[in-house]
Amino acid sequence: MTKQTWTREECRAEAAKYNTRNLFRLNCNGGYQAASSHPGWLDDICSHMGLGSSRPAQVMTASENSQALAASRSETQNLLFSMGRSVS
């Protein structure tokens, strides 16, 4: 098997098919590796991509966290009640 030499434009065309860097890497590792071996290429050809799974999750405030926890507890209590079980 011969090694393909990727141009910046070929990498750009391939990257355009994906909306995250992770999908680009998983589905076209050769193009991703070629772009990552040239300084600035990945940032350039992936500039259209949104936040991927490799980015940190949104941080909740203490208030939002408390509200989410209360909602989760209510859902659990309702589920257990509907199953005829009590909540301690």
C-alpha atoms as a PDB file:
ATOM      1  CA  MET A   1       0.000   0.000   0.000  1.00  0.00           C
ATOM      2  CA  THR A   2       1.405   3.378  -0.955  1.00  0.00           C
ATOM      3  CA  LYS A   3       1.337   6.298   1.426  1.00  0.00           C
ATOM      4  CA  GLN A   4      -0.925   9.135   0.278  1.00  0.00           C
ATOM      5  CA  THR A   5       0.515  12.620   0.457  1.00  0.00           C
ATOM      6  CA  TRP A   6      -2.213  14.963   1.612  1.00  0.00           C
ATOM      7  CA  THR A   7      -2.333  18.571   0.447  1.00  0.00           C
ATOM      8  CA  ARG A   8      -3.859  21.281   2.585  1.00  0.00           C
ATOM      9  CA  GLU A   9      -6.818  21.525   0.188  1.00  0.00           C
ATOM     10  CA  GLU A  10      -7.423  17.760   0.265  1.00  0.00           C
ATOM     11  CA  CYS A  11      -7.388  17.874   4.062  1.00  0.00           C
ATOM     12  CA  ARG A  12      -9.761  20.858   4.000  1.00  0.00           C
ATOM     13  CA  ALA A  13     -12.189  19.072   1.650  1.00  0.00           C
ATOM     14  CA  GLU A  14     -12.189  15.978   3.853  1.00  0.00           C
ATOM     15  CA  ALA A  15     -12.569  17.985   7.090  1.00  0.00           C
ATOM     16  CA  ALA A  16     -15.572  19.798   5.593  1.00  0.00           C
ATOM     17  CA  LYS A  17     -17.514  16.516   5.788  1.00  0.00           C
ATOM     18  CA  TYR A  18     -17.436  16.510   9.599  1.00  0.00           C
ATOM     19  CA  ASN A  19     -18.715  18.811  12.329  1.00  0.00           C
ATOM     20  CA  THR A  20     -16.172  17.865  15.031  1.00  0.00           C
ATOM     21  CA  ARG A  21     -12.452  17.165  15.030  1.00  0.00           C
ATOM     22  CA  ASN A  22     -13.096  13.854  16.719  1.00  0.00           C
ATOM     23  CA  LEU A  23     -15.356  12.677  13.860  1.00  0.00           C
ATOM     24  CA  PHE A  24     -12.751  13.854  11.357  1.00  0.00           C
ATOM     25  CA  ARG A  25     -10.037  11.913  13.207  1.00  0.00           C
ATOM     26  CA  LEU A  26     -12.167   8.774  13.530  1.00  0.00           C
ATOM     27  CA  ASN A  27     -13.415   8.725   9.941  1.00  0.00           C
ATOM     28  CA  CYS A  28     -10.360   9.998   8.085  1.00  0.00           C
ATOM     29  CA  ASN A  29      -7.361   9.390  10.271  1.00  0.00           C
ATOM     30  CA  GLY A  30      -4.904   9.814   7.388  1.00  0.00           C
ATOM     31  CA  GLY A  31      -6.165  13.295   6.571  1.00  0.00           C
ATOM     32  CA  TYR A  32      -6.323  14.204  10.245  1.00  0.00           C
ATOM     33  CA  GLN A  33      -2.766  13.016  10.868  1.00  0.00           C
ATOM     34  CA  ALA A  34      -1.504  14.853   7.789  1.00  0.00           C
ATOM     35  CA  ALA A  35      -3.150  18.083   8.944  1.00  0.00           C
ATOM     36  CA  SER A  36      -1.921  17.686  12.511  1.00  0.00           C
ATOM     37  CA  SER A  37       1.660  17.279  11.297  1.00  0.00           C
ATOM     38  CA  HIS A  38       1.635  20.773   9.737  1.00  0.00           C
ATOM     39  CA  PRO A  39       1.485  23.724  12.154  1.00  0.00           C
ATOM     40  CA  GLY A  40      -1.759  25.659  11.818  1.00  0.00           C
ATOM     41  CA  TRP A  41      -3.499  23.324   9.379  1.00  0.00           C
ATOM     42  CA  LEU A  42      -5.947  21.768  11.854  1.00  0.00           C
ATOM     43  CA  ASP A  43      -7.029  25.124  13.242  1.00  0.00           C
ATOM     44  CA  ASP A  44      -7.517  26.408   9.708  1.00  0.00           C
ATOM     45  CA  ILE A  45      -9.352  23.465   8.145  1.00  0.00           C
ATOM     46  CA  CYS A  46     -11.447  22.770  11.258  1.00  0.00           C
ATOM     47  CA  SER A  47     -12.508  26.379  11.856  1.00  0.00           C
ATOM     48  CA  HIS A  48     -16.076  25.552  10.714  1.00  0.00           C
ATOM     49  CA  MET A  49     -16.463  22.879  13.391  1.00  0.00           C
ATOM     50  CA  GLY A  50     -18.418  23.421  16.564  1.00  0.00           C
ATOM     51  CA  LEU A  51     -17.494  22.286  20.009  1.00  0.00           C
ATOM     52  CA  GLY A  52     -16.763  18.597  20.106  1.00  0.00           C
ATOM     53  CA  SER A  53     -16.804  16.010  22.832  1.00  0.00           C
ATOM     54  CA  SER A  54     -13.187  16.744  23.633  1.00  0.00           C
ATOM     55  CA  ARG A  55     -14.175  20.147  24.974  1.00  0.00           C
ATOM     56  CA  PRO A  56     -15.158  20.591  28.637  1.00  0.00           C
ATOM     57  CA  ALA A  57     -18.848  20.323  29.419  1.00  0.00           C
ATOM     58  CA  GLN A  58     -20.793  23.413  30.390  1.00  0.00           C
ATOM     59  CA  VAL A  59     -20.301  24.235  34.047  1.00  0.00           C
ATOM     60  CA  MET A  60     -23.469  24.597  36.115  1.00  0.00           C
ATOM     61  CA  THR A  61     -23.860  27.225  38.770  1.00  0.00           C
ATOM     62  CA  ALA A  62     -24.623  26.059  42.314  1.00  0.00           C
ATOM     63  CA  SER A  63     -28.245  27.152  41.861  1.00  0.00           C
ATOM     64  CA  GLU A  64     -28.618  25.286  38.554  1.00  0.00           C
ATOM     65  CA  ASN A  65     -27.032  22.216  40.116  1.00  0.00           C
ATOM     66  CA  SER A  66     -29.466  22.334  43.063  1.00  0.00           C
ATOM     67  CA  GLN A  67     -32.435  22.700  40.708  1.00  0.00           C
ATOM     68  CA  ALA A  68     -31.272  19.784  38.541  1.00  0.00           C
ATOM     69  CA  LEU A  69     -30.742  17.612  41.605  1.00  0.00           C
ATOM     70  CA  ALA A  70     -34.204  18.468  42.977  1.00  0.00           C
ATOM     71  CA  ALA A  71     -35.812  17.689  39.603  1.00  0.00           C
ATOM     72  CA  SER A  72     -33.969  14.375  39.428  1.00  0.00           C
ATOM     73  CA  ARG A  73     -35.093  13.460  42.950  1.00  0.00           C
ATOM     74  CA  SER A  74     -38.694  14.352  42.087  1.00  0.00           C
ATOM     75  CA  GLU A  75     -38.576  12.162  38.981  1.00  0.00           C
ATOM     76  CA  THR A  76     -37.151   9.277  41.020  1.00  0.00           C
ATOM     77  CA  GLN A  77     -39.786   9.717  43.719  1.00  0.00           C
ATOM     78  CA  ASN A  78     -42.575   9.813  41.124  1.00  0.00           C
ATOM     79  CA  LEU A  79     -41.232   6.689  39.440  1.00  0.00           C
ATOM     80  CA  LEU A  80     -40.988   4.793  42.715  1.00  0.00           C
ATOM     81  CA  PHE A  81     -44.473   5.959  43.744  1.00  0.00           C
ATOM     82  CA  SER A  82     -45.907   4.759  40.412  1.00  0.00           C
ATOM     83  CA  MET A  83     -44.308   1.372  41.095  1.00  0.00           C
ATOM     84  CA  GLY A  84     -45.963   1.214  44.500  1.00  0.00           C
ATOM     85  CA  ARG A  85     -42.762   1.755  46.449  1.00  0.00           C
ATOM     86  CA  SER A  86     -42.163   4.314  49.131  1.00  0.00           C
ATOM     87  CA  VAL A  87     -39.326   6.794  49.175  1.00  0.00           C
ATOM     88  CA  SER A  88     -37.246   7.158  52.297  1.00  0.00           C
END
